[in-house]
Amino acid sequence: MTGLDGVNLAIAVAGLLLTVAGTYFGFHEYRQRRSGARSGDGGAGGGGAFEPPERQGPYDVFVSYADGDAEAAELLAGRLRAADLEVFLVRWVAPGLVLLLETERALTEARLGVLLFGSGTTADQRARDEYAALLHRKYEGGLRFVPARIADVPLPPLAAIHQPLDLTRPGTAHYDREVARLVRVVRAPRRTAGT
């Protein structure tokens, strides 16, 4: 081994050690932030931030929304999670999972699908795809579909025939009542065919 080979080997080993140390300390900091940054009461009465769930699924509720309505979706999902429901929210998909596969799994297993209708819902491709999938599952059986207005917008005809929620006033008693209605719907026993 020449002197130059020894120097290159030392540089490679040092780089490897720095990479391992950086990864360890980055992971350690990430774990500390996750364990120390929990929300207090699940967002009662306001707009607190919510941490993604520790585990992913099985899901009780699939919350669909346009990208521009992410805060409204996270507020609702946090409130549902505070009521001990397992909620799918696309922005809560954990690192290492395939986003589309986890979305498809959630669409398949959720008991209830909520689609938040805001000003940009019909222009958002992901929200439109999820709307179509939620309606398909609803008409195939096995899913209850609930449209929820988060802005003063008209609902499309297939959404309007369902009894929508009014989530246009977060932080009010009205919003709390609407969320409580949704929780009761999710917890209600499933109807069987012919009942």
C-alpha atoms as a PDB file:
ATOM      1  CA  MET A   1       0.000   0.000   0.000  1.00  0.00           C
ATOM      2  CA  THR A   2       1.435   3.358  -0.987  1.00  0.00           C
ATOM      3  CA  GLY A   3       1.270   6.505   1.115  1.00  0.00           C
ATOM      4  CA  LEU A   4      -1.458   7.907  -1.119  1.00  0.00           C
ATOM      5  CA  ASP A   5      -3.569   4.742  -0.727  1.00  0.00           C
ATOM      6  CA  GLY A   6      -3.250   5.028   3.067  1.00  0.00           C
ATOM      7  CA  VAL A   7      -4.390   8.662   2.997  1.00  0.00           C
ATOM      8  CA  ASN A   8      -7.373   7.784   0.802  1.00  0.00           C
ATOM      9  CA  LEU A   9      -8.286   4.920   3.123  1.00  0.00           C
ATOM     10  CA  ALA A  10      -8.082   7.202   6.185  1.00  0.00           C
ATOM     11  CA  ILE A  11     -10.278   9.811   4.482  1.00  0.00           C
ATOM     12  CA  ALA A  12     -12.849   7.142   3.534  1.00  0.00           C
ATOM     13  CA  VAL A  13     -12.961   5.740   7.098  1.00  0.00           C
ATOM     14  CA  ALA A  14     -13.283   9.241   8.582  1.00  0.00           C
ATOM     15  CA  GLY A  15     -16.123  10.044   6.151  1.00  0.00           C
ATOM     16  CA  LEU A  16     -17.906   6.835   7.082  1.00  0.00           C
ATOM     17  CA  LEU A  17     -17.582   7.583  10.803  1.00  0.00           C
ATOM     18  CA  LEU A  18     -18.894  11.127  10.316  1.00  0.00           C
ATOM     19  CA  THR A  19     -21.853   9.825   8.315  1.00  0.00           C
ATOM     20  CA  VAL A  20     -22.733   7.274  11.002  1.00  0.00           C
ATOM     21  CA  ALA A  21     -22.389   9.881  13.784  1.00  0.00           C
ATOM     22  CA  GLY A  22     -24.478  12.436  11.870  1.00  0.00           C
ATOM     23  CA  THR A  23     -27.202   9.874  11.246  1.00  0.00           C
ATOM     24  CA  TYR A  24     -27.242   8.832  14.900  1.00  0.00           C
ATOM     25  CA  PHE A  25     -27.454  12.382  16.228  1.00  0.00           C
ATOM     26  CA  GLY A  26     -30.055  13.383  13.634  1.00  0.00           C
ATOM     27  CA  PHE A  27     -32.230  10.417  14.576  1.00  0.00           C
ATOM     28  CA  HIS A  28     -31.737  11.102  18.292  1.00  0.00           C
ATOM     29  CA  GLU A  29     -32.830  14.755  17.821  1.00  0.00           C
ATOM     30  CA  TYR A  30     -35.837  13.662  15.752  1.00  0.00           C
ATOM     31  CA  ARG A  31     -36.967  11.210  18.468  1.00  0.00           C
ATOM     32  CA  GLN A  32     -36.608  13.882  21.166  1.00  0.00           C
ATOM     33  CA  ARG A  33     -38.691  16.372  19.158  1.00  0.00           C
ATOM     34  CA  ARG A  34     -41.416  13.770  18.574  1.00  0.00           C
ATOM     35  CA  SER A  35     -41.600  12.649  22.192  1.00  0.00           C
ATOM     36  CA  GLY A  36     -41.430  16.157  23.665  1.00  0.00           C
ATOM     37  CA  ALA A  37     -43.751  18.046  21.287  1.00  0.00           C
ATOM     38  CA  ARG A  38     -47.095  16.431  21.974  1.00  0.00           C
ATOM     39  CA  SER A  39     -50.209  18.581  21.813  1.00  0.00           C
ATOM     40  CA  GLY A  40     -52.004  19.063  25.077  1.00  0.00           C
ATOM     41  CA  ASP A  41     -55.744  18.536  24.765  1.00  0.00           C
ATOM     42  CA  GLY A  42     -56.223  17.483  21.154  1.00  0.00           C
ATOM     43  CA  GLY A  43     -57.069  20.967  19.915  1.00  0.00           C
ATOM     44  CA  ALA A  44     -60.128  21.745  21.998  1.00  0.00           C
ATOM     45  CA  GLY A  45     -61.492  25.079  20.958  1.00  0.00           C
ATOM     46  CA  GLY A  46     -58.653  26.214  18.783  1.00  0.00           C
ATOM     47  CA  GLY A  47     -56.062  25.763  16.161  1.00  0.00           C
ATOM     48  CA  GLY A  48     -53.216  23.904  17.890  1.00  0.00           C
ATOM     49  CA  ALA A  49     -50.829  21.797  15.857  1.00  0.00           C
ATOM     50  CA  PHE A  50     -51.169  18.033  15.971  1.00  0.00           C
ATOM     51  CA  GLU A  51     -48.454  15.442  15.783  1.00  0.00           C
ATOM     52  CA  PRO A  52     -48.934  12.593  13.318  1.00  0.00           C
ATOM     53  CA  PRO A  53     -50.000   9.331  14.943  1.00  0.00           C
ATOM     54  CA  GLU A  54     -47.339   6.922  16.175  1.00  0.00           C
ATOM     55  CA  ARG A  55     -48.777   4.072  14.128  1.00  0.00           C
ATOM     56  CA  GLN A  56     -50.516   3.984  10.772  1.00  0.00           C
ATOM     57  CA  GLY A  57     -53.930   2.308  10.574  1.00  0.00           C
ATOM     58  CA  PRO A  58     -56.184   0.495  10.608  1.00  0.00           C
ATOM     59  CA  TYR A  59     -58.229   3.605   9.941  1.00  0.00           C
ATOM     60  CA  ASP A  60     -61.696   4.594  11.121  1.00  0.00           C
ATOM     61  CA  VAL A  61     -61.872   7.834   9.127  1.00  0.00           C
ATOM     62  CA  PHE A  62     -60.330   8.926   5.840  1.00  0.00           C
ATOM     63  CA  VAL A  63     -60.057  12.742   5.655  1.00  0.00           C
ATOM     64  CA  SER A  64     -59.736  14.038   2.099  1.00  0.00           C
ATOM     65  CA  TYR A  65     -58.907  17.656   1.284  1.00  0.00           C
ATOM     66  CA  ALA A  66     -57.286  19.930  -1.268  1.00  0.00           C
ATOM     67  CA  ASP A  67     -53.688  20.948  -0.619  1.00  0.00           C
ATOM     68  CA  GLY A  68     -54.778  24.522   0.148  1.00  0.00           C
ATOM     69  CA  ASP A  69     -57.044  23.250   2.941  1.00  0.00           C
ATOM     70  CA  ALA A  70     -54.395  21.279   4.826  1.00  0.00           C
ATOM     71  CA  GLU A  71     -54.759  23.305   8.044  1.00  0.00           C
ATOM     72  CA  ALA A  72     -58.532  22.739   8.186  1.00  0.00           C
ATOM     73  CA  ALA A  73     -57.975  19.036   7.520  1.00  0.00           C
ATOM     74  CA  GLU A  74     -55.341  18.751  10.227  1.00  0.00           C
ATOM     75  CA  LEU A  75     -57.591  20.534  12.734  1.00  0.00           C
ATOM     76  CA  LEU A  76     -60.444  18.100  12.037  1.00  0.00           C
ATOM     77  CA  ALA A  77     -58.153  15.059  12.019  1.00  0.00           C
ATOM     78  CA  GLY A  78     -56.614  16.127  15.327  1.00  0.00           C
ATOM     79  CA  ARG A  79     -60.042  16.507  16.897  1.00  0.00           C
ATOM     80  CA  LEU A  80     -61.088  13.062  15.657  1.00  0.00           C
ATOM     81  CA  ARG A  81     -57.869  11.559  16.954  1.00  0.00           C
ATOM     82  CA  ALA A  82     -58.503  13.212  20.337  1.00  0.00           C
ATOM     83  CA  ALA A  83     -61.787  11.250  20.329  1.00  0.00           C
ATOM     84  CA  ASP A  84     -59.728   8.018  20.039  1.00  0.00           C
ATOM     85  CA  LEU A  85     -60.430   7.462  16.346  1.00  0.00           C
ATOM     86  CA  GLU A  86     -57.765   6.313  13.899  1.00  0.00           C
ATOM     87  CA  VAL A  87     -57.581   8.944  11.174  1.00  0.00           C
ATOM     88  CA  PHE A  88     -55.911   8.889   7.776  1.00  0.00           C
ATOM     89  CA  LEU A  89     -54.541  12.233   6.659  1.00  0.00           C
ATOM     90  CA  VAL A  90     -52.221  12.225   3.670  1.00  0.00           C
ATOM     91  CA  ARG A  91     -49.799  14.663   5.313  1.00  0.00           C
ATOM     92  CA  TRP A  92     -49.499  12.285   8.289  1.00  0.00           C
ATOM     93  CA  VAL A  93     -48.179   9.356   6.252  1.00  0.00           C
ATOM     94  CA  ALA A  94     -45.032   8.248   8.068  1.00  0.00           C
ATOM     95  CA  PRO A  95     -41.587   8.308   6.452  1.00  0.00           C
ATOM     96  CA  GLY A  96     -40.715   5.037   4.791  1.00  0.00           C
ATOM     97  CA  LEU A  97     -44.283   4.318   3.631  1.00  0.00           C
ATOM     98  CA  VAL A  98     -45.348   4.662   0.011  1.00  0.00           C
ATOM     99  CA  LEU A  99     -47.821   7.539  -0.091  1.00  0.00           C
ATOM    100  CA  LEU A 100     -50.129   6.165  -2.781  1.00  0.00           C
ATOM    101  CA  LEU A 101     -50.156   2.640  -1.330  1.00  0.00           C
ATOM    102  CA  GLU A 102     -50.964   3.935   2.165  1.00  0.00           C
ATOM    103  CA  THR A 103     -53.711   6.129   0.693  1.00  0.00           C
ATOM    104  CA  GLU A 104     -55.168   3.158  -1.148  1.00  0.00           C
ATOM    105  CA  ARG A 105     -55.031   1.008   2.001  1.00  0.00           C
ATOM    106  CA  ALA A 106     -56.794   3.733   3.982  1.00  0.00           C
ATOM    107  CA  LEU A 107     -59.455   4.133   1.293  1.00  0.00           C
ATOM    108  CA  THR A 108     -60.038   0.383   1.393  1.00  0.00           C
ATOM    109  CA  GLU A 109     -60.324  -0.080   5.156  1.00  0.00           C
ATOM    110  CA  ALA A 110     -61.827   3.167   6.510  1.00  0.00           C
ATOM    111  CA  ARG A 111     -65.403   3.017   7.792  1.00  0.00           C
ATOM    112  CA  LEU A 112     -66.093   6.641   6.948  1.00  0.00           C
ATOM    113  CA  GLY A 113     -64.737   9.111   4.412  1.00  0.00           C
ATOM    114  CA  VAL A 114     -64.928  12.861   4.943  1.00  0.00           C
ATOM    115  CA  LEU A 115     -64.248  15.182   2.038  1.00  0.00           C
ATOM    116  CA  LEU A 116     -63.577  18.798   2.979  1.00  0.00           C
ATOM    117  CA  PHE A 117     -65.068  21.169   0.425  1.00  0.00           C
ATOM    118  CA  GLY A 118     -63.240  24.471   0.203  1.00  0.00           C
ATOM    119  CA  SER A 119     -62.709  26.948  -2.593  1.00  0.00           C
ATOM    120  CA  GLY A 120     -59.992  24.846  -4.266  1.00  0.00           C
ATOM    121  CA  THR A 121     -61.379  21.338  -3.847  1.00  0.00           C
ATOM    122  CA  THR A 122     -62.718  20.826  -7.351  1.00  0.00           C
ATOM    123  CA  ALA A 123     -59.457  22.104  -8.900  1.00  0.00           C
ATOM    124  CA  ASP A 124     -57.191  19.829  -6.816  1.00  0.00           C
ATOM    125  CA  GLN A 125     -56.412  16.601  -8.714  1.00  0.00           C
ATOM    126  CA  ARG A 126     -55.691  14.484  -5.613  1.00  0.00           C
ATOM    127  CA  ALA A 127     -58.923  15.635  -3.927  1.00  0.00           C
ATOM    128  CA  ARG A 128     -60.917  14.855  -7.083  1.00  0.00           C
ATOM    129  CA  ASP A 129     -59.402  11.373  -7.321  1.00  0.00           C
ATOM    130  CA  GLU A 130     -60.138  10.703  -3.645  1.00  0.00           C
ATOM    131  CA  TYR A 131     -63.706  12.032  -4.091  1.00  0.00           C
ATOM    132  CA  ALA A 132     -64.266   9.553  -6.917  1.00  0.00           C
ATOM    133  CA  ALA A 133     -62.778   6.685  -4.875  1.00  0.00           C
ATOM    134  CA  LEU A 134     -64.858   7.584  -1.794  1.00  0.00           C
ATOM    135  CA  LEU A 135     -68.073   7.677  -3.826  1.00  0.00           C
ATOM    136  CA  HIS A 136     -67.173   4.389  -5.518  1.00  0.00           C
ATOM    137  CA  ARG A 137     -66.627   2.690  -2.139  1.00  0.00           C
ATOM    138  CA  LYS A 138     -69.831   4.215  -0.812  1.00  0.00           C
ATOM    139  CA  TYR A 139     -71.907   2.821  -3.672  1.00  0.00           C
ATOM    140  CA  GLU A 140     -70.112  -0.525  -3.541  1.00  0.00           C
ATOM    141  CA  GLY A 141     -70.934  -0.715   0.174  1.00  0.00           C
ATOM    142  CA  GLY A 142     -68.738  -0.600   3.242  1.00  0.00           C
ATOM    143  CA  LEU A 143     -68.067   3.135   3.527  1.00  0.00           C
ATOM    144  CA  ARG A 144     -70.114   6.056   4.740  1.00  0.00           C
ATOM    145  CA  PHE A 145     -69.405   9.271   2.848  1.00  0.00           C
ATOM    146  CA  VAL A 146     -69.723  12.657   4.567  1.00  0.00           C
ATOM    147  CA  PRO A 147     -69.149  15.918   2.701  1.00  0.00           C
ATOM    148  CA  ALA A 148     -68.041  18.801   4.928  1.00  0.00           C
ATOM    149  CA  ARG A 149     -68.045  22.444   3.925  1.00  0.00           C
ATOM    150  CA  ILE A 150     -65.083  24.438   5.200  1.00  0.00           C
ATOM    151  CA  ALA A 151     -65.984  27.486   3.079  1.00  0.00           C
ATOM    152  CA  ASP A 152     -69.183  28.908   1.651  1.00  0.00           C
ATOM    153  CA  VAL A 153     -69.058  26.929  -1.595  1.00  0.00           C
ATOM    154  CA  PRO A 154     -71.728  24.972  -3.472  1.00  0.00           C
ATOM    155  CA  LEU A 155     -71.421  21.206  -3.228  1.00  0.00           C
ATOM    156  CA  PRO A 156     -71.326  19.072  -6.378  1.00  0.00           C
ATOM    157  CA  PRO A 157     -74.612  17.206  -6.944  1.00  0.00           C
ATOM    158  CA  LEU A 158     -73.362  13.790  -5.758  1.00  0.00           C
ATOM    159  CA  ALA A 159     -72.038  15.327  -2.550  1.00  0.00           C
ATOM    160  CA  ALA A 160     -75.079  17.557  -1.993  1.00  0.00           C
ATOM    161  CA  ILE A 161     -77.436  14.568  -1.744  1.00  0.00           C
ATOM    162  CA  HIS A 162     -75.670  13.539   1.475  1.00  0.00           C
ATOM    163  CA  GLN A 163     -76.213  15.445   4.697  1.00  0.00           C
ATOM    164  CA  PRO A 164     -73.110  17.647   4.808  1.00  0.00           C
ATOM    165  CA  LEU A 165     -71.344  18.950   7.868  1.00  0.00           C
ATOM    166  CA  ASP A 166     -70.734  22.670   8.303  1.00  0.00           C
ATOM    167  CA  LEU A 167     -67.135  23.138   9.442  1.00  0.00           C
ATOM    168  CA  THR A 168     -66.891  26.766   8.346  1.00  0.00           C
ATOM    169  CA  ARG A 169     -66.481  28.188  11.866  1.00  0.00           C
ATOM    170  CA  PRO A 170     -63.588  26.481  13.689  1.00  0.00           C
ATOM    171  CA  GLY A 171     -63.161  27.473  17.326  1.00  0.00           C
ATOM    172  CA  THR A 172     -66.899  27.885  17.917  1.00  0.00           C
ATOM    173  CA  ALA A 173     -69.511  25.791  19.705  1.00  0.00           C
ATOM    174  CA  HIS A 174     -71.091  25.136  16.289  1.00  0.00           C
ATOM    175  CA  TYR A 175     -67.867  23.555  15.025  1.00  0.00           C
ATOM    176  CA  ASP A 176     -67.614  21.458  18.197  1.00  0.00           C
ATOM    177  CA  ARG A 177     -71.193  20.181  17.691  1.00  0.00           C
ATOM    178  CA  GLU A 178     -70.479  19.247  14.072  1.00  0.00           C
ATOM    179  CA  VAL A 179     -67.328  17.338  15.060  1.00  0.00           C
ATOM    180  CA  ALA A 180     -69.295  15.581  17.830  1.00  0.00           C
ATOM    181  CA  ARG A 181     -71.940  14.579  15.227  1.00  0.00           C
ATOM    182  CA  LEU A 182     -69.202  13.098  13.064  1.00  0.00           C
ATOM    183  CA  VAL A 183     -67.711  11.158  15.986  1.00  0.00           C
ATOM    184  CA  ARG A 184     -71.160   9.694  16.776  1.00  0.00           C
ATOM    185  CA  VAL A 185     -71.573   8.611  13.155  1.00  0.00           C
ATOM    186  CA  VAL A 186     -68.201   6.831  13.153  1.00  0.00           C
ATOM    187  CA  ARG A 187     -68.921   5.081  16.460  1.00  0.00           C
ATOM    188  CA  ALA A 188     -72.473   4.018  15.506  1.00  0.00           C
ATOM    189  CA  PRO A 189     -72.928   0.327  14.747  1.00  0.00           C
ATOM    190  CA  ARG A 190     -72.813  -0.477  11.071  1.00  0.00           C
ATOM    191  CA  ARG A 191     -76.127  -1.089   9.361  1.00  0.00           C
ATOM    192  CA  THR A 192     -76.555  -4.422   7.685  1.00  0.00           C
ATOM    193  CA  ALA A 193     -78.297  -4.924   4.364  1.00  0.00           C
ATOM    194  CA  GLY A 194     -82.065  -4.643   4.661  1.00  0.00           C
ATOM    195  CA  THR A 195     -82.121  -2.619   7.896  1.00  0.00           C
END
